[in-house]
Amino acid sequence: MTTERYGVALLKNTRDAMVIEERAKKEGLAVRIIPTPSKIYASCGFSLKYELSEEVALKNAFGRRKAFL
């Protein structure tokens, strides 16, 4: 059995999730909006799933935005 590993960025609201997803895709990053995992109680209920190999690029592009927790 293979374990899937990926990052989850918690977002403050649904609008930020949609805007950041759109901008990240324009940057060529493989991201998508997912429901926030049930083990995590935070955010608006939506999170951004991303490849761990793209974490630095994602942080560089959006890490200073208040939308990221």
N, C-alpha and C. Protein backbone atom coordinates (compact mmCIF):
# COMPACT_ATOMS: atom_id res chain seq x y z
N MET A 1 0.84 -1.18 0.00
CA MET A 1 0.00 0.00 0.00
C MET A 1 0.89 1.24 0.00
N THR A 2 0.57 2.19 -0.86
CA THR A 2 1.32 3.43 -0.96
C THR A 2 0.58 4.53 -0.22
N THR A 3 1.32 5.31 0.56
CA THR A 3 0.75 6.43 1.28
C THR A 3 0.93 7.69 0.46
N GLU A 4 -0.15 8.42 0.25
CA GLU A 4 -0.08 9.67 -0.48
C GLU A 4 0.35 10.77 0.48
N ARG A 5 1.35 11.54 0.08
CA ARG A 5 1.83 12.65 0.92
C ARG A 5 1.64 13.95 0.15
N TYR A 6 1.07 14.93 0.84
CA TYR A 6 0.84 16.22 0.22
C TYR A 6 0.71 17.26 1.33
N GLY A 7 0.78 18.52 0.95
CA GLY A 7 0.62 19.60 1.91
C GLY A 7 -0.80 20.13 1.89
N VAL A 8 -1.21 20.72 3.00
CA VAL A 8 -2.53 21.33 3.12
C VAL A 8 -2.34 22.73 3.69
N ALA A 9 -2.75 23.73 2.94
CA ALA A 9 -2.70 25.12 3.41
C ALA A 9 -4.08 25.51 3.89
N LEU A 10 -4.18 25.93 5.14
CA LEU A 10 -5.46 26.37 5.70
C LEU A 10 -5.69 27.82 5.31
N LEU A 11 -6.91 28.12 4.94
CA LEU A 11 -7.24 29.46 4.48
C LEU A 11 -8.33 30.06 5.35
N LYS A 12 -8.35 31.39 5.42
CA LYS A 12 -9.28 32.07 6.32
C LYS A 12 -10.71 32.10 5.81
N ASN A 13 -10.90 32.15 4.48
CA ASN A 13 -12.26 32.18 3.95
C ASN A 13 -12.32 31.59 2.55
N THR A 14 -13.52 31.31 2.11
CA THR A 14 -13.73 30.66 0.82
C THR A 14 -13.23 31.50 -0.34
N ARG A 15 -13.45 32.80 -0.28
CA ARG A 15 -12.99 33.68 -1.37
C ARG A 15 -11.48 33.61 -1.52
N ASP A 16 -10.75 33.68 -0.41
CA ASP A 16 -9.30 33.57 -0.48
C ASP A 16 -8.88 32.23 -1.08
N ALA A 17 -9.57 31.17 -0.72
CA ALA A 17 -9.25 29.85 -1.26
C ALA A 17 -9.37 29.86 -2.77
N MET A 18 -10.44 30.45 -3.27
CA MET A 18 -10.66 30.47 -4.72
C MET A 18 -9.63 31.35 -5.43
N VAL A 19 -9.34 32.51 -4.87
CA VAL A 19 -8.38 33.44 -5.48
C VAL A 19 -6.98 32.83 -5.49
N ILE A 20 -6.57 32.27 -4.37
CA ILE A 20 -5.22 31.69 -4.28
C ILE A 20 -5.09 30.48 -5.20
N GLU A 21 -6.13 29.65 -5.27
CA GLU A 21 -6.08 28.51 -6.19
C GLU A 21 -5.89 28.98 -7.62
N GLU A 22 -6.67 29.96 -8.04
CA GLU A 22 -6.58 30.48 -9.40
C GLU A 22 -5.19 31.05 -9.70
N ARG A 23 -4.67 31.84 -8.79
CA ARG A 23 -3.36 32.46 -9.00
C ARG A 23 -2.24 31.41 -8.98
N ALA A 24 -2.35 30.44 -8.10
CA ALA A 24 -1.33 29.39 -8.04
C ALA A 24 -1.31 28.58 -9.33
N LYS A 25 -2.48 28.28 -9.87
CA LYS A 25 -2.54 27.53 -11.13
C LYS A 25 -1.93 28.35 -12.27
N LYS A 26 -2.14 29.67 -12.25
CA LYS A 26 -1.52 30.53 -13.26
C LYS A 26 0.00 30.51 -13.14
N GLU A 27 0.50 30.29 -11.92
CA GLU A 27 1.94 30.19 -11.68
C GLU A 27 2.47 28.80 -12.05
N GLY A 28 1.57 27.90 -12.44
CA GLY A 28 1.98 26.56 -12.84
C GLY A 28 2.08 25.57 -11.68
N LEU A 29 1.51 25.93 -10.53
CA LEU A 29 1.57 25.06 -9.37
C LEU A 29 0.38 24.09 -9.38
N ALA A 30 0.64 22.86 -9.00
CA ALA A 30 -0.40 21.82 -8.98
C ALA A 30 -1.13 21.89 -7.64
N VAL A 31 -2.19 22.66 -7.60
CA VAL A 31 -2.97 22.83 -6.37
C VAL A 31 -4.44 22.58 -6.67
N ARG A 32 -5.20 22.33 -5.60
CA ARG A 32 -6.65 22.26 -5.75
C ARG A 32 -7.29 22.47 -4.39
N ILE A 33 -8.50 22.99 -4.42
CA ILE A 33 -9.27 23.20 -3.20
C ILE A 33 -9.85 21.87 -2.76
N ILE A 34 -9.72 21.60 -1.46
CA ILE A 34 -10.29 20.39 -0.88
C ILE A 34 -11.01 20.78 0.42
N PRO A 35 -11.92 19.94 0.89
CA PRO A 35 -12.48 20.20 2.22
C PRO A 35 -11.36 20.06 3.26
N THR A 36 -11.36 20.92 4.25
CA THR A 36 -10.36 20.81 5.31
C THR A 36 -10.53 19.45 5.99
N PRO A 37 -9.42 18.70 6.13
CA PRO A 37 -9.53 17.38 6.77
C PRO A 37 -10.21 17.47 8.13
N SER A 38 -11.01 16.49 8.45
CA SER A 38 -11.81 16.51 9.68
C SER A 38 -10.96 16.53 10.95
N LYS A 39 -9.73 16.08 10.87
CA LYS A 39 -8.85 16.09 12.04
C LYS A 39 -8.33 17.49 12.37
N ILE A 40 -8.55 18.41 11.45
CA ILE A 40 -8.08 19.78 11.63
C ILE A 40 -9.31 20.66 11.81
N TYR A 41 -9.36 21.37 12.92
CA TYR A 41 -10.48 22.28 13.16
C TYR A 41 -9.95 23.70 13.02
N ALA A 42 -10.06 24.22 11.82
CA ALA A 42 -9.60 25.58 11.56
C ALA A 42 -10.05 25.98 10.17
N SER A 43 -9.98 27.19 9.88
CA SER A 43 -10.22 27.77 8.56
C SER A 43 -11.70 27.81 8.23
N CYS A 44 -11.98 28.08 6.98
CA CYS A 44 -13.34 28.25 6.50
C CYS A 44 -13.99 26.93 6.10
N GLY A 45 -13.29 25.86 6.22
CA GLY A 45 -13.81 24.57 5.78
C GLY A 45 -13.19 24.11 4.47
N PHE A 46 -12.49 25.02 3.80
CA PHE A 46 -11.77 24.67 2.57
C PHE A 46 -10.29 24.90 2.79
N SER A 47 -9.49 24.05 2.18
CA SER A 47 -8.04 24.16 2.25
C SER A 47 -7.48 24.00 0.85
N LEU A 48 -6.22 24.28 0.73
CA LEU A 48 -5.54 24.13 -0.55
C LEU A 48 -4.58 22.95 -0.45
N LYS A 49 -4.79 21.95 -1.30
CA LYS A 49 -3.93 20.78 -1.35
C LYS A 49 -2.84 21.05 -2.37
N TYR A 50 -1.60 20.71 -2.01
CA TYR A 50 -0.49 20.97 -2.93
C TYR A 50 0.57 19.87 -2.81
N GLU A 51 1.37 19.76 -3.84
CA GLU A 51 2.48 18.81 -3.85
C GLU A 51 3.57 19.34 -2.92
N LEU A 52 4.12 18.47 -2.09
CA LEU A 52 5.17 18.90 -1.17
C LEU A 52 6.37 19.50 -1.90
N SER A 53 6.64 19.02 -3.10
CA SER A 53 7.77 19.54 -3.87
C SER A 53 7.55 20.99 -4.28
N GLU A 54 6.32 21.49 -4.19
CA GLU A 54 6.02 22.86 -4.57
C GLU A 54 5.79 23.79 -3.37
N GLU A 55 6.08 23.29 -2.18
CA GLU A 55 5.81 24.08 -0.97
C GLU A 55 6.59 25.39 -0.95
N VAL A 56 7.84 25.37 -1.32
CA VAL A 56 8.66 26.59 -1.30
C VAL A 56 8.11 27.60 -2.30
N ALA A 57 7.77 27.15 -3.50
CA ALA A 57 7.22 28.06 -4.51
C ALA A 57 5.89 28.64 -4.05
N LEU A 58 5.07 27.83 -3.40
CA LEU A 58 3.78 28.30 -2.90
C LEU A 58 3.99 29.34 -1.79
N LYS A 59 4.90 29.06 -0.88
CA LYS A 59 5.19 30.02 0.19
C LYS A 59 5.76 31.32 -0.37
N ASN A 60 6.64 31.21 -1.37
CA ASN A 60 7.21 32.40 -1.97
C ASN A 60 6.14 33.25 -2.65
N ALA A 61 5.18 32.59 -3.28
CA ALA A 61 4.13 33.31 -4.00
C ALA A 61 3.07 33.89 -3.06
N PHE A 62 2.74 33.18 -1.99
CA PHE A 62 1.60 33.58 -1.17
C PHE A 62 1.86 33.64 0.33
N GLY A 63 3.03 33.27 0.77
CA GLY A 63 3.30 33.16 2.19
C GLY A 63 3.09 34.41 3.01
N ARG A 64 3.19 35.55 2.40
CA ARG A 64 3.03 36.79 3.14
C ARG A 64 1.59 37.29 3.13
N ARG A 65 0.73 36.64 2.40
CA ARG A 65 -0.69 37.04 2.37
C ARG A 65 -1.35 36.69 3.69
N LYS A 66 -2.24 37.52 4.12
CA LYS A 66 -2.96 37.27 5.35
C LYS A 66 -3.91 36.09 5.20
N ALA A 67 -4.17 35.66 3.99
CA ALA A 67 -5.08 34.54 3.76
C ALA A 67 -4.52 33.24 4.31
N PHE A 68 -3.20 33.14 4.39
CA PHE A 68 -2.60 31.92 4.91
C PHE A 68 -2.57 32.00 6.42
N LEU A 69 -2.88 30.89 7.06
CA LEU A 69 -2.83 30.84 8.52
C LEU A 69 -1.44 30.49 8.98
